[in-house]
Amino acid sequence: MEHHSTNAVHVETLEGTSSETVILKVRGPLTIHNFFEFRDLCRHQTAPILLIDLSGVPYLDSAALGSLVGVHVSRENAGKKYAVVGANSRLQNLFGITKVSQFLITFPTLPEAEASLAV
């Protein structure tokens, strides 16, 4: 289990219920000032299933949103699965307004995401 912390954002790498699943648990606001480490952690994840747990994220800005779009594109291009989990209503509104909700794979909870994405 690794802990990373930048500008009040903490990203924890956890194992999912299956060995094919890695969970990145993010806590704190994700913004242009601290999303680089998050983005790099996402890029370097080679697990077949990547779950990004945003239940501890009160808000994110457009730069951080762009990094989530980047996760979608890179995982899809690599033929790997991902999901954004636990986004609060503020984040869900942002996803809707910016139209990323049309393609971003999201689930309310980790168990639902794991059950749905399990191979």
PDB file of N, CA and C in Angstrom:
ATOM      1  N   MET A   1       0.840  -1.174   0.000  1.00  0.00           N
ATOM      2  CA  MET A   1       0.000   0.000   0.000  1.00  0.00           C
ATOM      3  C   MET A   1       0.892   1.247   0.000  1.00  0.00           C
ATOM      4  N   GLU A   2       0.687   2.095  -1.007  1.00  0.00           N
ATOM      5  CA  GLU A   2       1.506   3.298  -1.103  1.00  0.00           C
ATOM      6  C   GLU A   2       0.665   4.524  -0.779  1.00  0.00           C
ATOM      7  N   HIS A   3       1.309   5.522  -0.190  1.00  0.00           N
ATOM      8  CA  HIS A   3       0.646   6.786   0.095  1.00  0.00           C
ATOM      9  C   HIS A   3       1.384   7.887  -0.652  1.00  0.00           C
ATOM     10  N   HIS A   4       0.656   8.733  -1.311  1.00  0.00           N
ATOM     11  CA  HIS A   4       1.237   9.893  -1.967  1.00  0.00           C
ATOM     12  C   HIS A   4       0.465  11.109  -1.490  1.00  0.00           C
ATOM     13  N   SER A   5       1.149  12.226  -1.328  1.00  0.00           N
ATOM     14  CA  SER A   5       0.466  13.409  -0.840  1.00  0.00           C
ATOM     15  C   SER A   5       1.067  14.645  -1.479  1.00  0.00           C
ATOM     16  N   THR A   6       0.221  15.468  -2.079  1.00  0.00           N
ATOM     17  CA  THR A   6       0.663  16.714  -2.688  1.00  0.00           C
ATOM     18  C   THR A   6      -0.393  17.769  -2.455  1.00  0.00           C
ATOM     19  N   ASN A   7      -0.003  18.903  -1.912  1.00  0.00           N
ATOM     20  CA  ASN A   7      -0.945  20.014  -1.749  1.00  0.00           C
ATOM     21  C   ASN A   7      -2.295  19.563  -1.202  1.00  0.00           C
ATOM     22  N   ALA A   8      -2.291  18.832  -0.142  1.00  0.00           N
ATOM     23  CA  ALA A   8      -3.524  18.423   0.535  1.00  0.00           C
ATOM     24  C   ALA A   8      -4.324  17.387  -0.219  1.00  0.00           C
ATOM     25  N   VAL A   9      -3.760  16.825  -1.283  1.00  0.00           N
ATOM     26  CA  VAL A   9      -4.432  15.685  -1.908  1.00  0.00           C
ATOM     27  C   VAL A   9      -3.643  14.448  -1.553  1.00  0.00           C
ATOM     28  N   HIS A  10      -4.348  13.412  -1.144  1.00  0.00           N
ATOM     29  CA  HIS A  10      -3.707  12.150  -0.798  1.00  0.00           C
ATOM     30  C   HIS A  10      -4.228  11.085  -1.748  1.00  0.00           C
ATOM     31  N   VAL A  11      -3.314  10.359  -2.351  1.00  0.00           N
ATOM     32  CA  VAL A  11      -3.700   9.262  -3.236  1.00  0.00           C
ATOM     33  C   VAL A  11      -3.119   7.984  -2.658  1.00  0.00           C
ATOM     34  N   GLU A  12      -3.991   7.039  -2.406  1.00  0.00           N
ATOM     35  CA  GLU A  12      -3.599   5.765  -1.815  1.00  0.00           C
ATOM     36  C   GLU A  12      -3.840   4.677  -2.849  1.00  0.00           C
ATOM     37  N   THR A  13      -2.863   3.797  -3.032  1.00  0.00           N
ATOM     38  CA  THR A  13      -3.016   2.682  -3.954  1.00  0.00           C
ATOM     39  C   THR A  13      -3.398   1.444  -3.156  1.00  0.00           C
ATOM     40  N   LEU A  14      -4.575   0.885  -3.462  1.00  0.00           N
ATOM     41  CA  LEU A  14      -5.097  -0.272  -2.737  1.00  0.00           C
ATOM     42  C   LEU A  14      -5.363  -1.417  -3.696  1.00  0.00           C
ATOM     43  N   GLU A  15      -5.382  -2.622  -3.159  1.00  0.00           N
ATOM     44  CA  GLU A  15      -5.753  -3.776  -3.974  1.00  0.00           C
ATOM     45  C   GLU A  15      -7.259  -3.948  -3.921  1.00  0.00           C
ATOM     46  N   GLY A  16      -7.834  -4.316  -5.055  1.00  0.00           N
ATOM     47  CA  GLY A  16      -9.259  -4.603  -5.097  1.00  0.00           C
ATOM     48  C   GLY A  16      -9.530  -6.006  -4.597  1.00  0.00           C
ATOM     49  N   THR A  17     -10.779  -6.449  -4.683  1.00  0.00           N
ATOM     50  CA  THR A  17     -11.115  -7.790  -4.225  1.00  0.00           C
ATOM     51  C   THR A  17     -10.536  -8.844  -5.150  1.00  0.00           C
ATOM     52  N   SER A  18     -10.274  -8.458  -6.407  1.00  0.00           N
ATOM     53  CA  SER A  18      -9.631  -9.389  -7.334  1.00  0.00           C
ATOM     54  C   SER A  18      -8.205  -8.916  -7.572  1.00  0.00           C
ATOM     55  N   SER A  19      -7.315  -9.840  -7.900  1.00  0.00           N
ATOM     56  CA  SER A  19      -5.908  -9.491  -8.126  1.00  0.00           C
ATOM     57  C   SER A  19      -5.750  -8.632  -9.380  1.00  0.00           C
ATOM     58  N   GLU A  20      -6.780  -8.589 -10.203  1.00  0.00           N
ATOM     59  CA  GLU A  20      -6.699  -7.808 -11.446  1.00  0.00           C
ATOM     60  C   GLU A  20      -7.092  -6.354 -11.228  1.00  0.00           C
ATOM     61  N   THR A  21      -7.527  -6.020 -10.015  1.00  0.00           N
ATOM     62  CA  THR A  21      -8.060  -4.684  -9.744  1.00  0.00           C
ATOM     63  C   THR A  21      -7.141  -3.870  -8.848  1.00  0.00           C
ATOM     64  N   VAL A  22      -6.878  -2.633  -9.264  1.00  0.00           N
ATOM     65  CA  VAL A  22      -6.159  -1.672  -8.430  1.00  0.00           C
ATOM     66  C   VAL A  22      -7.093  -0.495  -8.189  1.00  0.00           C
ATOM     67  N   ILE A  23      -7.119  -0.024  -6.943  1.00  0.00           N
ATOM     68  CA  ILE A  23      -7.952   1.115  -6.569  1.00  0.00           C
ATOM     69  C   ILE A  23      -7.042   2.285  -6.210  1.00  0.00           C
ATOM     70  N   LEU A  24      -7.282   3.426  -6.833  1.00  0.00           N
ATOM     71  CA  LEU A  24      -6.616   4.658  -6.420  1.00  0.00           C
ATOM     72  C   LEU A  24      -7.635   5.452  -5.612  1.00  0.00           C
ATOM     73  N   LYS A  25      -7.395   5.543  -4.321  1.00  0.00           N
ATOM     74  CA  LYS A  25      -8.317   6.270  -3.436  1.00  0.00           C
ATOM     75  C   LYS A  25      -7.781   7.683  -3.261  1.00  0.00           C
ATOM     76  N   VAL A  26      -8.569   8.653  -3.717  1.00  0.00           N
ATOM     77  CA  VAL A  26      -8.140  10.049  -3.703  1.00  0.00           C
ATOM     78  C   VAL A  26      -8.904  10.783  -2.599  1.00  0.00           C
ATOM     79  N   ARG A  27      -8.174  11.570  -1.798  1.00  0.00           N
ATOM     80  CA  ARG A  27      -8.809  12.372  -0.754  1.00  0.00           C
ATOM     81  C   ARG A  27      -8.322  13.811  -0.863  1.00  0.00           C
ATOM     82  N   GLY A  28      -9.273  14.741  -0.892  1.00  0.00           N
ATOM     83  CA  GLY A  28      -8.938  16.161  -0.985  1.00  0.00           C
ATOM     84  C   GLY A  28      -9.304  16.705  -2.354  1.00  0.00           C
ATOM     85  N   PRO A  29      -9.316  18.032  -2.487  1.00  0.00           N
ATOM     86  CA  PRO A  29      -9.658  18.638  -3.766  1.00  0.00           C
ATOM     87  C   PRO A  29      -8.572  18.368  -4.806  1.00  0.00           C
ATOM     88  N   LEU A  30      -8.996  17.961  -5.979  1.00  0.00           N
ATOM     89  CA  LEU A  30      -8.060  17.637  -7.065  1.00  0.00           C
ATOM     90  C   LEU A  30      -8.059  18.805  -8.041  1.00  0.00           C
ATOM     91  N   THR A  31      -6.919  19.512  -8.128  1.00  0.00           N
ATOM     92  CA  THR A  31      -6.855  20.726  -8.940  1.00  0.00           C
ATOM     93  C   THR A  31      -5.573  20.773  -9.760  1.00  0.00           C
ATOM     94  N   ILE A  32      -5.461  21.820 -10.565  1.00  0.00           N
ATOM     95  CA  ILE A  32      -4.287  22.002 -11.414  1.00  0.00           C
ATOM     96  C   ILE A  32      -2.996  22.013 -10.589  1.00  0.00           C
ATOM     97  N   HIS A  33      -3.092  22.363  -9.317  1.00  0.00           N
ATOM     98  CA  HIS A  33      -1.903  22.444  -8.469  1.00  0.00           C
ATOM     99  C   HIS A  33      -1.408  21.086  -8.002  1.00  0.00           C
ATOM    100  N   ASN A  34      -2.241  20.054  -8.124  1.00  0.00           N
ATOM    101  CA  ASN A  34      -1.817  18.770  -7.566  1.00  0.00           C
ATOM    102  C   ASN A  34      -2.218  17.554  -8.394  1.00  0.00           C
ATOM    103  N   PHE A  35      -2.781  17.749  -9.590  1.00  0.00           N
ATOM    104  CA  PHE A  35      -3.278  16.585 -10.316  1.00  0.00           C
ATOM    105  C   PHE A  35      -2.179  15.821 -11.061  1.00  0.00           C
ATOM    106  N   PHE A  36      -0.985  16.407 -11.201  1.00  0.00           N
ATOM    107  CA  PHE A  36       0.071  15.762 -11.989  1.00  0.00           C
ATOM    108  C   PHE A  36       0.456  14.402 -11.428  1.00  0.00           C
ATOM    109  N   GLU A  37       0.626  14.348 -10.121  1.00  0.00           N
ATOM    110  CA  GLU A  37       0.989  13.077  -9.492  1.00  0.00           C
ATOM    111  C   GLU A  37      -0.134  12.051  -9.685  1.00  0.00           C
ATOM    112  N   PHE A  38      -1.367  12.501  -9.511  1.00  0.00           N
ATOM    113  CA  PHE A  38      -2.528  11.637  -9.731  1.00  0.00           C
ATOM    114  C   PHE A  38      -2.521  11.113 -11.170  1.00  0.00           C
ATOM    115  N   ARG A  39      -2.319  12.015 -12.119  1.00  0.00           N
ATOM    116  CA  ARG A  39      -2.304  11.633 -13.531  1.00  0.00           C
ATOM    117  C   ARG A  39      -1.194  10.604 -13.804  1.00  0.00           C
ATOM    118  N   ASP A  40      -0.017  10.857 -13.246  1.00  0.00           N
ATOM    119  CA  ASP A  40       1.101   9.934 -13.459  1.00  0.00           C
ATOM    120  C   ASP A  40       0.819   8.569 -12.835  1.00  0.00           C
ATOM    121  N   LEU A  41       0.230   8.552 -11.645  1.00  0.00           N
ATOM    122  CA  LEU A  41      -0.128   7.276 -11.009  1.00  0.00           C
ATOM    123  C   LEU A  41      -1.106   6.504 -11.900  1.00  0.00           C
ATOM    124  N   CYS A  42      -2.078   7.213 -12.470  1.00  0.00           N
ATOM    125  CA  CYS A  42      -3.043   6.559 -13.360  1.00  0.00           C
ATOM    126  C   CYS A  42      -2.347   5.993 -14.586  1.00  0.00           C
ATOM    127  N   ARG A  43      -1.444   6.770 -15.156  1.00  0.00           N
ATOM    128  CA  ARG A  43      -0.743   6.347 -16.378  1.00  0.00           C
ATOM    129  C   ARG A  43       0.110   5.105 -16.155  1.00  0.00           C
ATOM    130  N   HIS A  44       0.664   4.996 -14.951  1.00  0.00           N
ATOM    131  CA  HIS A  44       1.585   3.887 -14.698  1.00  0.00           C
ATOM    132  C   HIS A  44       0.890   2.630 -14.194  1.00  0.00           C
ATOM    133  N   GLN A  45      -0.420   2.682 -14.026  1.00  0.00           N
ATOM    134  CA  GLN A  45      -1.150   1.496 -13.573  1.00  0.00           C
ATOM    135  C   GLN A  45      -1.352   0.537 -14.734  1.00  0.00           C
ATOM    136  N   THR A  46      -0.840  -0.671 -14.579  1.00  0.00           N
ATOM    137  CA  THR A  46      -0.948  -1.655 -15.659  1.00  0.00           C
ATOM    138  C   THR A  46      -2.012  -2.710 -15.363  1.00  0.00           C
ATOM    139  N   ALA A  47      -2.655  -2.619 -14.205  1.00  0.00           N
ATOM    140  CA  ALA A  47      -3.683  -3.602 -13.842  1.00  0.00           C
ATOM    141  C   ALA A  47      -4.803  -3.597 -14.886  1.00  0.00           C
ATOM    142  N   PRO A  48      -5.412  -4.754 -15.133  1.00  0.00           N
ATOM    143  CA  PRO A  48      -6.511  -4.828 -16.090  1.00  0.00           C
ATOM    144  C   PRO A  48      -7.689  -3.934 -15.722  1.00  0.00           C
ATOM    145  N   ILE A  49      -7.903  -3.731 -14.419  1.00  0.00           N
ATOM    146  CA  ILE A  49      -9.019  -2.904 -13.962  1.00  0.00           C
ATOM    147  C   ILE A  49      -8.484  -1.838 -13.004  1.00  0.00           C
ATOM    148  N   LEU A  50      -8.778  -0.572 -13.312  1.00  0.00           N
ATOM    149  CA  LEU A  50      -8.366   0.544 -12.468  1.00  0.00           C
ATOM    150  C   LEU A  50      -9.622   1.251 -11.965  1.00  0.00           C
ATOM    151  N   LEU A  51      -9.769   1.319 -10.650  1.00  0.00           N
ATOM    152  CA  LEU A  51     -10.898   2.029 -10.063  1.00  0.00           C
ATOM    153  C   LEU A  51     -10.372   3.290  -9.386  1.00  0.00           C
ATOM    154  N   ILE A  52     -10.946   4.420  -9.748  1.00  0.00           N
ATOM    155  CA  ILE A  52     -10.541   5.694  -9.177  1.00  0.00           C
ATOM    156  C   ILE A  52     -11.628   6.126  -8.201  1.00  0.00           C
ATOM    157  N   ASP A  53     -11.318   6.010  -6.915  1.00  0.00           N
ATOM    158  CA  ASP A  53     -12.286   6.294  -5.858  1.00  0.00           C
ATOM    159  C   ASP A  53     -12.227   7.779  -5.502  1.00  0.00           C
ATOM    160  N   LEU A  54     -13.254   8.522  -5.923  1.00  0.00           N
ATOM    161  CA  LEU A  54     -13.314   9.953  -5.665  1.00  0.00           C
ATOM    162  C   LEU A  54     -14.248  10.299  -4.507  1.00  0.00           C
ATOM    163  N   SER A  55     -14.620   9.302  -3.694  1.00  0.00           N
ATOM    164  CA  SER A  55     -15.571   9.561  -2.605  1.00  0.00           C
ATOM    165  C   SER A  55     -15.020  10.570  -1.596  1.00  0.00           C
ATOM    166  N   GLY A  56     -13.701  10.734  -1.547  1.00  0.00           N
ATOM    167  CA  GLY A  56     -13.107  11.699  -0.626  1.00  0.00           C
ATOM    168  C   GLY A  56     -12.711  13.004  -1.289  1.00  0.00           C
ATOM    169  N   VAL A  57     -13.200  13.241  -2.506  1.00  0.00           N
ATOM    170  CA  VAL A  57     -12.839  14.451  -3.260  1.00  0.00           C
ATOM    171  C   VAL A  57     -14.025  15.420  -3.272  1.00  0.00           C
ATOM    172  N   PRO A  58     -13.909  16.572  -2.575  1.00  0.00           N
ATOM    173  CA  PRO A  58     -15.029  17.510  -2.536  1.00  0.00           C
ATOM    174  C   PRO A  58     -15.259  18.205  -3.875  1.00  0.00           C
ATOM    175  N   TYR A  59     -14.176  18.505  -4.595  1.00  0.00           N
ATOM    176  CA  TYR A  59     -14.321  19.123  -5.915  1.00  0.00           C
ATOM    177  C   TYR A  59     -13.059  18.906  -6.737  1.00  0.00           C
ATOM    178  N   LEU A  60     -13.189  19.077  -8.044  1.00  0.00           N
ATOM    179  CA  LEU A  60     -12.027  19.060  -8.921  1.00  0.00           C
ATOM    180  C   LEU A  60     -12.214  20.144  -9.967  1.00  0.00           C
ATOM    181  N   ASP A  61     -11.103  20.597 -10.537  1.00  0.00           N
ATOM    182  CA  ASP A  61     -11.195  21.657 -11.536  1.00  0.00           C
ATOM    183  C   ASP A  61     -11.028  21.077 -12.941  1.00  0.00           C
ATOM    184  N   SER A  62     -11.011  21.969 -13.922  1.00  0.00           N
ATOM    185  CA  SER A  62     -10.988  21.512 -15.313  1.00  0.00           C
ATOM    186  C   SER A  62      -9.708  20.748 -15.656  1.00  0.00           C
ATOM    187  N   ALA A  63      -8.594  21.104 -15.044  1.00  0.00           N
ATOM    188  CA  ALA A  63      -7.339  20.387 -15.301  1.00  0.00           C
ATOM    189  C   ALA A  63      -7.442  18.946 -14.795  1.00  0.00           C
ATOM    190  N   ALA A  64      -7.982  18.795 -13.592  1.00  0.00           N
ATOM    191  CA  ALA A  64      -8.153  17.456 -13.028  1.00  0.00           C
ATOM    192  C   ALA A  64      -9.175  16.667 -13.834  1.00  0.00           C
ATOM    193  N   LEU A  65     -10.231  17.344 -14.288  1.00  0.00           N
ATOM    194  CA  LEU A  65     -11.231  16.691 -15.122  1.00  0.00           C
ATOM    195  C   LEU A  65     -10.579  16.185 -16.409  1.00  0.00           C
ATOM    196  N   GLY A  66      -9.695  16.996 -16.961  1.00  0.00           N
ATOM    197  CA  GLY A  66      -8.960  16.587 -18.162  1.00  0.00           C
ATOM    198  C   GLY A  66      -8.142  15.333 -17.923  1.00  0.00           C
ATOM    199  N   SER A  67      -7.584  15.207 -16.725  1.00  0.00           N
ATOM    200  CA  SER A  67      -6.796  14.003 -16.432  1.00  0.00           C
ATOM    201  C   SER A  67      -7.694  12.767 -16.365  1.00  0.00           C
ATOM    202  N   LEU A  68      -8.947  12.928 -15.906  1.00  0.00           N
ATOM    203  CA  LEU A  68      -9.892  11.803 -15.906  1.00  0.00           C
ATOM    204  C   LEU A  68     -10.242  11.404 -17.335  1.00  0.00           C
ATOM    205  N   VAL A  69     -10.416  12.400 -18.191  1.00  0.00           N
ATOM    206  CA  VAL A  69     -10.677  12.112 -19.612  1.00  0.00           C
ATOM    207  C   VAL A  69      -9.479  11.365 -20.198  1.00  0.00           C
ATOM    208  N   GLY A  70      -8.281  11.777 -19.800  1.00  0.00           N
ATOM    209  CA  GLY A  70      -7.065  11.103 -20.249  1.00  0.00           C
ATOM    210  C   GLY A  70      -7.024   9.648 -19.825  1.00  0.00           C
ATOM    211  N   VAL A  71      -7.478   9.375 -18.605  1.00  0.00           N
ATOM    212  CA  VAL A  71      -7.557   7.991 -18.114  1.00  0.00           C
ATOM    213  C   VAL A  71      -8.500   7.196 -19.017  1.00  0.00           C
ATOM    214  N   HIS A  72      -9.658   7.763 -19.318  1.00  0.00           N
ATOM    215  CA  HIS A  72     -10.642   7.096 -20.179  1.00  0.00           C
ATOM    216  C   HIS A  72     -10.003   6.722 -21.515  1.00  0.00           C
ATOM    217  N   VAL A  73      -9.351   7.692 -22.146  1.00  0.00           N
ATOM    218  CA  VAL A  73      -8.760   7.482 -23.471  1.00  0.00           C
ATOM    219  C   VAL A  73      -7.646   6.440 -23.422  1.00  0.00           C
ATOM    220  N   SER A  74      -6.730   6.581 -22.453  1.00  0.00           N
ATOM    221  CA  SER A  74      -5.590   5.664 -22.415  1.00  0.00           C
ATOM    222  C   SER A  74      -6.015   4.245 -22.055  1.00  0.00           C
ATOM    223  N   ARG A  75      -6.959   4.097 -21.115  1.00  0.00           N
ATOM    224  CA  ARG A  75      -7.420   2.752 -20.741  1.00  0.00           C
ATOM    225  C   ARG A  75      -8.150   2.108 -21.916  1.00  0.00           C
ATOM    226  N   GLU A  76      -8.971   2.901 -22.610  1.00  0.00           N
ATOM    227  CA  GLU A  76      -9.699   2.355 -23.747  1.00  0.00           C
ATOM    228  C   GLU A  76      -8.730   1.929 -24.849  1.00  0.00           C
ATOM    229  N   ASN A  77      -7.736   2.768 -25.123  1.00  0.00           N
ATOM    230  CA  ASN A  77      -6.750   2.445 -26.157  1.00  0.00           C
ATOM    231  C   ASN A  77      -5.945   1.196 -25.801  1.00  0.00           C
ATOM    232  N   ALA A  78      -5.728   0.977 -24.506  1.00  0.00           N
ATOM    233  CA  ALA A  78      -4.955  -0.181 -24.052  1.00  0.00           C
ATOM    234  C   ALA A  78      -5.836  -1.421 -23.893  1.00  0.00           C
ATOM    235  N   GLY A  79      -7.140  -1.272 -24.107  1.00  0.00           N
ATOM    236  CA  GLY A  79      -8.052  -2.405 -23.936  1.00  0.00           C
ATOM    237  C   GLY A  79      -8.213  -2.804 -22.486  1.00  0.00           C
ATOM    238  N   LYS A  80      -8.081  -1.824 -21.585  1.00  0.00           N
ATOM    239  CA  LYS A  80      -8.211  -2.105 -20.156  1.00  0.00           C
ATOM    240  C   LYS A  80      -9.410  -1.366 -19.585  1.00  0.00           C
ATOM    241  N   LYS A  81      -9.925  -1.882 -18.474  1.00  0.00           N
ATOM    242  CA  LYS A  81     -11.129  -1.311 -17.877  1.00  0.00           C
ATOM    243  C   LYS A  81     -10.778  -0.305 -16.787  1.00  0.00           C
ATOM    244  N   TYR A  82     -11.711   0.610 -16.557  1.00  0.00           N
ATOM    245  CA  TYR A  82     -11.556   1.572 -15.476  1.00  0.00           C
ATOM    246  C   TYR A  82     -12.944   2.019 -15.055  1.00  0.00           C
ATOM    247  N   ALA A  83     -13.011   2.658 -13.916  1.00  0.00           N
ATOM    248  CA  ALA A  83     -14.243   3.329 -13.506  1.00  0.00           C
ATOM    249  C   ALA A  83     -13.893   4.416 -12.502  1.00  0.00           C
ATOM    250  N   VAL A  84     -14.689   5.469 -12.539  1.00  0.00           N
ATOM    251  CA  VAL A  84     -14.623   6.530 -11.538  1.00  0.00           C
ATOM    252  C   VAL A  84     -15.736   6.220 -10.546  1.00  0.00           C
ATOM    253  N   VAL A  85     -15.378   6.162  -9.266  1.00  0.00           N
ATOM    254  CA  VAL A  85     -16.317   5.674  -8.253  1.00  0.00           C
ATOM    255  C   VAL A  85     -16.536   6.726  -7.165  1.00  0.00           C
ATOM    256  N   GLY A  86     -17.793   6.821  -6.703  1.00  0.00           N
ATOM    257  CA  GLY A  86     -18.091   7.608  -5.514  1.00  0.00           C
ATOM    258  C   GLY A  86     -18.093   9.111  -5.702  1.00  0.00           C
ATOM    259  N   ALA A  87     -18.258   9.586  -6.944  1.00  0.00           N
ATOM    260  CA  ALA A  87     -18.274  11.033  -7.172  1.00  0.00           C
ATOM    261  C   ALA A  87     -19.507  11.650  -6.505  1.00  0.00           C
ATOM    262  N   ASN A  88     -19.295  12.743  -5.778  1.00  0.00           N
ATOM    263  CA  ASN A  88     -20.422  13.410  -5.118  1.00  0.00           C
ATOM    264  C   ASN A  88     -21.270  14.165  -6.146  1.00  0.00           C
ATOM    265  N   SER A  89     -22.371  14.758  -5.695  1.00  0.00           N
ATOM    266  CA  SER A  89     -23.291  15.408  -6.634  1.00  0.00           C
ATOM    267  C   SER A  89     -22.627  16.585  -7.343  1.00  0.00           C
ATOM    268  N   ARG A  90     -21.725  17.265  -6.663  1.00  0.00           N
ATOM    269  CA  ARG A  90     -21.016  18.385  -7.293  1.00  0.00           C
ATOM    270  C   ARG A  90     -20.175  17.890  -8.474  1.00  0.00           C
ATOM    271  N   LEU A  91     -19.466  16.787  -8.263  1.00  0.00           N
ATOM    272  CA  LEU A  91     -18.652  16.222  -9.340  1.00  0.00           C
ATOM    273  C   LEU A  91     -19.546  15.694 -10.454  1.00  0.00           C
ATOM    274  N   GLN A  92     -20.635  15.027 -10.089  1.00  0.00           N
ATOM    275  CA  GLN A  92     -21.552  14.495 -11.103  1.00  0.00           C
ATOM    276  C   GLN A  92     -22.136  15.626 -11.945  1.00  0.00           C
ATOM    277  N   ASN A  93     -22.458  16.755 -11.311  1.00  0.00           N
ATOM    278  CA  ASN A  93     -22.949  17.912 -12.064  1.00  0.00           C
ATOM    279  C   ASN A  93     -21.899  18.401 -13.051  1.00  0.00           C
ATOM    280  N   LEU A  94     -20.647  18.457 -12.595  1.00  0.00           N
ATOM    281  CA  LEU A  94     -19.549  18.875 -13.468  1.00  0.00           C
ATOM    282  C   LEU A  94     -19.416  17.925 -14.656  1.00  0.00           C
ATOM    283  N   PHE A  95     -19.491  16.622 -14.382  1.00  0.00           N
ATOM    284  CA  PHE A  95     -19.410  15.639 -15.468  1.00  0.00           C
ATOM    285  C   PHE A  95     -20.530  15.869 -16.478  1.00  0.00           C
ATOM    286  N   GLY A  96     -21.725  16.203 -15.975  1.00  0.00           N
ATOM    287  CA  GLY A  96     -22.871  16.429 -16.847  1.00  0.00           C
ATOM    288  C   GLY A  96     -22.738  17.700 -17.675  1.00  0.00           C
ATOM    289  N   ILE A  97     -22.371  18.795 -17.015  1.00  0.00           N
ATOM    290  CA  ILE A  97     -22.240  20.090 -17.696  1.00  0.00           C
ATOM    291  C   ILE A  97     -21.186  20.016 -18.788  1.00  0.00           C
ATOM    292  N   THR A  98     -20.086  19.320 -18.510  1.00  0.00           N
ATOM    293  CA  THR A  98     -18.976  19.254 -19.463  1.00  0.00           C
ATOM    294  C   THR A  98     -19.130  18.108 -20.458  1.00  0.00           C
ATOM    295  N   LYS A  99     -20.220  17.379 -20.347  1.00  0.00           N
ATOM    296  CA  LYS A  99     -20.559  16.283 -21.265  1.00  0.00           C
ATOM    297  C   LYS A  99     -19.680  15.038 -21.118  1.00  0.00           C
ATOM    298  N   VAL A 100     -18.756  15.020 -20.163  1.00  0.00           N
ATOM    299  CA  VAL A 100     -17.928  13.818 -20.007  1.00  0.00           C
ATOM    300  C   VAL A 100     -18.746  12.658 -19.450  1.00  0.00           C
ATOM    301  N   SER A 101     -19.902  12.959 -18.854  1.00  0.00           N
ATOM    302  CA  SER A 101     -20.745  11.878 -18.327  1.00  0.00           C
ATOM    303  C   SER A 101     -21.256  10.979 -19.449  1.00  0.00           C
ATOM    304  N   GLN A 102     -21.174  11.462 -20.693  1.00  0.00           N
ATOM    305  CA  GLN A 102     -21.622  10.651 -21.826  1.00  0.00           C
ATOM    306  C   GLN A 102     -20.698   9.465 -22.087  1.00  0.00           C
ATOM    307  N   PHE A 103     -19.431   9.586 -21.671  1.00  0.00           N
ATOM    308  CA  PHE A 103     -18.510   8.464 -21.911  1.00  0.00           C
ATOM    309  C   PHE A 103     -17.754   7.991 -20.674  1.00  0.00           C
ATOM    310  N   LEU A 104     -17.668   8.833 -19.650  1.00  0.00           N
ATOM    311  CA  LEU A 104     -16.943   8.449 -18.441  1.00  0.00           C
ATOM    312  C   LEU A 104     -17.680   7.312 -17.739  1.00  0.00           C
ATOM    313  N   ILE A 105     -16.964   6.262 -17.397  1.00  0.00           N
ATOM    314  CA  ILE A 105     -17.583   5.111 -16.728  1.00  0.00           C
ATOM    315  C   ILE A 105     -17.590   5.379 -15.230  1.00  0.00           C
ATOM    316  N   THR A 106     -18.774   5.465 -14.658  1.00  0.00           N
ATOM    317  CA  THR A 106     -18.887   5.812 -13.241  1.00  0.00           C
ATOM    318  C   THR A 106     -19.798   4.829 -12.506  1.00  0.00           C
ATOM    319  N   PHE A 107     -19.513   4.662 -11.220  1.00  0.00           N
ATOM    320  CA  PHE A 107     -20.335   3.833 -10.334  1.00  0.00           C
ATOM    321  C   PHE A 107     -20.446   4.552  -9.001  1.00  0.00           C
ATOM    322  N   PRO A 108     -21.576   4.354  -8.301  1.00  0.00           N
ATOM    323  CA  PRO A 108     -21.732   4.990  -6.992  1.00  0.00           C
ATOM    324  C   PRO A 108     -20.799   4.409  -5.928  1.00  0.00           C
ATOM    325  N   THR A 109     -20.535   3.101  -5.972  1.00  0.00           N
ATOM    326  CA  THR A 109     -19.735   2.461  -4.929  1.00  0.00           C
ATOM    327  C   THR A 109     -18.691   1.504  -5.519  1.00  0.00           C
ATOM    328  N   LEU A 110     -17.659   1.230  -4.730  1.00  0.00           N
ATOM    329  CA  LEU A 110     -16.622   0.274  -5.146  1.00  0.00           C
ATOM    330  C   LEU A 110     -17.183  -1.129  -5.388  1.00  0.00           C
ATOM    331  N   PRO A 111     -18.035  -1.664  -4.466  1.00  0.00           N
ATOM    332  CA  PRO A 111     -18.548  -3.016  -4.720  1.00  0.00           C
ATOM    333  C   PRO A 111     -19.312  -3.111  -6.049  1.00  0.00           C
ATOM    334  N   GLU A 112     -20.095  -2.081  -6.376  1.00  0.00           N
ATOM    335  CA  GLU A 112     -20.827  -2.101  -7.647  1.00  0.00           C
ATOM    336  C   GLU A 112     -19.862  -2.068  -8.834  1.00  0.00           C
ATOM    337  N   ALA A 113     -18.848  -1.242  -8.733  1.00  0.00           N
ATOM    338  CA  ALA A 113     -17.864  -1.152  -9.818  1.00  0.00           C
ATOM    339  C   ALA A 113     -17.128  -2.478  -9.987  1.00  0.00           C
ATOM    340  N   GLU A 114     -16.691  -3.050  -8.888  1.00  0.00           N
ATOM    341  CA  GLU A 114     -15.946  -4.313  -8.961  1.00  0.00           C
ATOM    342  C   GLU A 114     -16.814  -5.434  -9.521  1.00  0.00           C
ATOM    343  N   ALA A 115     -18.067  -5.487  -9.080  1.00  0.00           N
ATOM    344  CA  ALA A 115     -18.966  -6.542  -9.565  1.00  0.00           C
ATOM    345  C   ALA A 115     -19.221  -6.385 -11.059  1.00  0.00           C
ATOM    346  N   SER A 116     -19.371  -5.155 -11.508  1.00  0.00           N
ATOM    347  CA  SER A 116     -19.707  -4.908 -12.904  1.00  0.00           C
ATOM    348  C   SER A 116     -18.513  -5.128 -13.829  1.00  0.00           C
ATOM    349  N   LEU A 117     -17.304  -4.791 -13.369  1.00  0.00           N
ATOM    350  CA  LEU A 117     -16.128  -4.856 -14.230  1.00  0.00           C
ATOM    351  C   LEU A 117     -15.354  -6.168 -14.120  1.00  0.00           C
ATOM    352  N   ALA A 118     -15.737  -7.000 -13.157  1.00  0.00           N
ATOM    353  CA  ALA A 118     -15.016  -8.277 -12.968  1.00  0.00           C
ATOM    354  C   ALA A 118     -15.052  -9.079 -14.261  1.00  0.00           C
ATOM    355  N   VAL A 119     -13.926  -9.697 -14.552  1.00  0.00           N
ATOM    356  CA  VAL A 119     -13.813 -10.458 -15.814  1.00  0.00           C
ATOM    357  C   VAL A 119     -14.576 -11.764 -15.710  1.00  0.00           C
TER     358      VAL A 119
END
